[in-house]
Amino acid sequence: MPRATSSLPVPVSPSISTGIGDAAAWSIKRKTSRITGVSPNITVDGVKLARHRMYFSSQRAEAELGWHARPAREALADAIQWFRDNGYLG
């Protein structure tokens, strides 16, 4: 269960059996794809991976390469500017 960072408990969403959920999600996407002619934007593997909480650390890159992550706001601002500069955003 996730840890709370304050005195409030972390909400946990109820879920149906993951096997049923996976099958239902994929089935709906596949049928929608057949009707619309547009490829599904989700894969079976994507549905399976979405069930797991994944955490990553930059500790090794910092130790071995001297790399340090930038603040998220700065990185996001640079990414948005790149997309604008390259015609992806208006």
C-alpha atoms as a PDB file:
ATOM      1  CA  MET A   1       0.000   0.000   0.000  1.00  0.00           C
ATOM      2  CA  PRO A   2       1.336   3.493  -0.796  1.00  0.00           C
ATOM      3  CA  ARG A   3       2.747   5.546   2.040  1.00  0.00           C
ATOM      4  CA  ALA A   4       1.041   8.726   3.136  1.00  0.00           C
ATOM      5  CA  THR A   5       3.199  11.865   3.103  1.00  0.00           C
ATOM      6  CA  SER A   6       0.856  13.674   5.476  1.00  0.00           C
ATOM      7  CA  SER A   7      -1.448  12.674   8.281  1.00  0.00           C
ATOM      8  CA  LEU A   8      -4.166  11.859   5.739  1.00  0.00           C
ATOM      9  CA  PRO A   9      -4.405   8.299   4.432  1.00  0.00           C
ATOM     10  CA  VAL A  10      -3.577   7.654   0.791  1.00  0.00           C
ATOM     11  CA  PRO A  11      -6.759   6.835  -1.132  1.00  0.00           C
ATOM     12  CA  VAL A  12      -6.782   3.422  -2.723  1.00  0.00           C
ATOM     13  CA  SER A  13      -9.150   2.925  -5.607  1.00  0.00           C
ATOM     14  CA  PRO A  14     -11.226  -0.226  -5.650  1.00  0.00           C
ATOM     15  CA  SER A  15     -10.656  -2.489  -8.621  1.00  0.00           C
ATOM     16  CA  ILE A  16     -12.193  -5.525 -10.163  1.00  0.00           C
ATOM     17  CA  SER A  17     -10.201  -8.668 -10.718  1.00  0.00           C
ATOM     18  CA  THR A  18      -7.196  -7.678 -12.807  1.00  0.00           C
ATOM     19  CA  GLY A  19      -7.684 -10.542 -15.238  1.00  0.00           C
ATOM     20  CA  ILE A  20     -11.253  -9.488 -15.937  1.00  0.00           C
ATOM     21  CA  GLY A  21     -10.240  -5.827 -16.132  1.00  0.00           C
ATOM     22  CA  ASP A  22      -7.431  -6.569 -18.580  1.00  0.00           C
ATOM     23  CA  ALA A  23      -9.658  -8.665 -20.804  1.00  0.00           C
ATOM     24  CA  ALA A  24     -12.465  -6.105 -20.752  1.00  0.00           C
ATOM     25  CA  ALA A  25     -10.172  -3.158 -21.528  1.00  0.00           C
ATOM     26  CA  TRP A  26      -8.482  -4.928 -24.413  1.00  0.00           C
ATOM     27  CA  SER A  27     -11.738  -6.276 -25.809  1.00  0.00           C
ATOM     28  CA  ILE A  28     -13.360  -2.832 -25.823  1.00  0.00           C
ATOM     29  CA  LYS A  29     -10.327  -1.236 -27.464  1.00  0.00           C
ATOM     30  CA  ARG A  30     -10.079  -3.956 -30.104  1.00  0.00           C
ATOM     31  CA  LYS A  31     -13.768  -3.738 -30.991  1.00  0.00           C
ATOM     32  CA  THR A  32     -13.636   0.061 -31.124  1.00  0.00           C
ATOM     33  CA  SER A  33     -10.614  -0.211 -33.401  1.00  0.00           C
ATOM     34  CA  ARG A  34     -12.480  -2.482 -35.815  1.00  0.00           C
ATOM     35  CA  ILE A  35     -15.426  -0.074 -35.982  1.00  0.00           C
ATOM     36  CA  THR A  36     -13.395   3.125 -36.370  1.00  0.00           C
ATOM     37  CA  GLY A  37     -10.506   1.712 -38.391  1.00  0.00           C
ATOM     38  CA  VAL A  38      -8.064   3.388 -35.983  1.00  0.00           C
ATOM     39  CA  SER A  39      -5.398   1.261 -34.293  1.00  0.00           C
ATOM     40  CA  PRO A  40      -5.810   0.865 -30.530  1.00  0.00           C
ATOM     41  CA  ASN A  41      -3.693   3.279 -28.529  1.00  0.00           C
ATOM     42  CA  ILE A  42      -3.261   0.688 -25.795  1.00  0.00           C
ATOM     43  CA  THR A  43      -1.736  -2.777 -25.893  1.00  0.00           C
ATOM     44  CA  VAL A  44      -2.285  -5.852 -23.763  1.00  0.00           C
ATOM     45  CA  ASP A  45       1.227  -5.374 -22.356  1.00  0.00           C
ATOM     46  CA  GLY A  46       0.436  -1.740 -21.588  1.00  0.00           C
ATOM     47  CA  VAL A  47      -2.653  -2.769 -19.628  1.00  0.00           C
ATOM     48  CA  LYS A  48      -0.648  -5.353 -17.678  1.00  0.00           C
ATOM     49  CA  LEU A  49       2.161  -2.905 -16.892  1.00  0.00           C
ATOM     50  CA  ALA A  50      -0.285  -0.215 -15.781  1.00  0.00           C
ATOM     51  CA  ARG A  51      -1.277  -2.428 -12.841  1.00  0.00           C
ATOM     52  CA  HIS A  52       2.163  -2.125 -11.252  1.00  0.00           C
ATOM     53  CA  ARG A  53       3.596   0.809  -9.388  1.00  0.00           C
ATOM     54  CA  MET A  54       7.046   1.500 -10.779  1.00  0.00           C
ATOM     55  CA  TYR A  55       9.653   3.687  -9.174  1.00  0.00           C
ATOM     56  CA  PHE A  56      13.003   4.591 -10.635  1.00  0.00           C
ATOM     57  CA  SER A  57      16.120   6.183  -9.227  1.00  0.00           C
ATOM     58  CA  SER A  58      18.769   8.318 -10.900  1.00  0.00           C
ATOM     59  CA  GLN A  59      21.299   7.342  -8.224  1.00  0.00           C
ATOM     60  CA  ARG A  60      23.445   5.214 -10.546  1.00  0.00           C
ATOM     61  CA  ALA A  61      23.581   7.882 -13.269  1.00  0.00           C
ATOM     62  CA  GLU A  62      24.548  10.442 -10.634  1.00  0.00           C
ATOM     63  CA  ALA A  63      27.263   8.229  -9.177  1.00  0.00           C
ATOM     64  CA  GLU A  64      28.752   6.885 -12.414  1.00  0.00           C
ATOM     65  CA  LEU A  65      28.158   9.727 -14.862  1.00  0.00           C
ATOM     66  CA  GLY A  66      27.848  12.795 -12.658  1.00  0.00           C
ATOM     67  CA  TRP A  67      24.376  13.417 -14.127  1.00  0.00           C
ATOM     68  CA  HIS A  68      21.796  15.285 -12.053  1.00  0.00           C
ATOM     69  CA  ALA A  69      18.116  15.651 -12.796  1.00  0.00           C
ATOM     70  CA  ARG A  70      16.786  19.159 -13.304  1.00  0.00           C
ATOM     71  CA  PRO A  71      13.750  20.496 -11.485  1.00  0.00           C
ATOM     72  CA  ALA A  72      10.576  19.146 -13.088  1.00  0.00           C
ATOM     73  CA  ARG A  73       9.162  22.607 -13.882  1.00  0.00           C
ATOM     74  CA  GLU A  74      12.347  23.592 -15.722  1.00  0.00           C
ATOM     75  CA  ALA A  75      12.460  20.340 -17.700  1.00  0.00           C
ATOM     76  CA  LEU A  76       8.774  20.594 -18.602  1.00  0.00           C
ATOM     77  CA  ALA A  77       9.150  24.232 -19.703  1.00  0.00           C
ATOM     78  CA  ASP A  78      12.085  23.265 -21.948  1.00  0.00           C
ATOM     79  CA  ALA A  79      10.109  20.337 -23.402  1.00  0.00           C
ATOM     80  CA  ILE A  80       7.121  22.558 -24.180  1.00  0.00           C
ATOM     81  CA  GLN A  81       9.396  25.120 -25.829  1.00  0.00           C
ATOM     82  CA  TRP A  82      11.010  22.370 -27.934  1.00  0.00           C
ATOM     83  CA  PHE A  83       7.585  21.173 -29.111  1.00  0.00           C
ATOM     84  CA  ARG A  84       6.655  24.773 -30.019  1.00  0.00           C
ATOM     85  CA  ASP A  85       9.954  25.366 -31.835  1.00  0.00           C
ATOM     86  CA  ASN A  86       9.474  22.182 -33.848  1.00  0.00           C
ATOM     87  CA  GLY A  87       5.886  22.850 -34.876  1.00  0.00           C
ATOM     88  CA  TYR A  88       4.130  20.384 -32.604  1.00  0.00           C
ATOM     89  CA  LEU A  89       2.323  23.089 -30.593  1.00  0.00           C
ATOM     90  CA  GLY A  90       0.659  26.247 -31.828  1.00  0.00           C
END
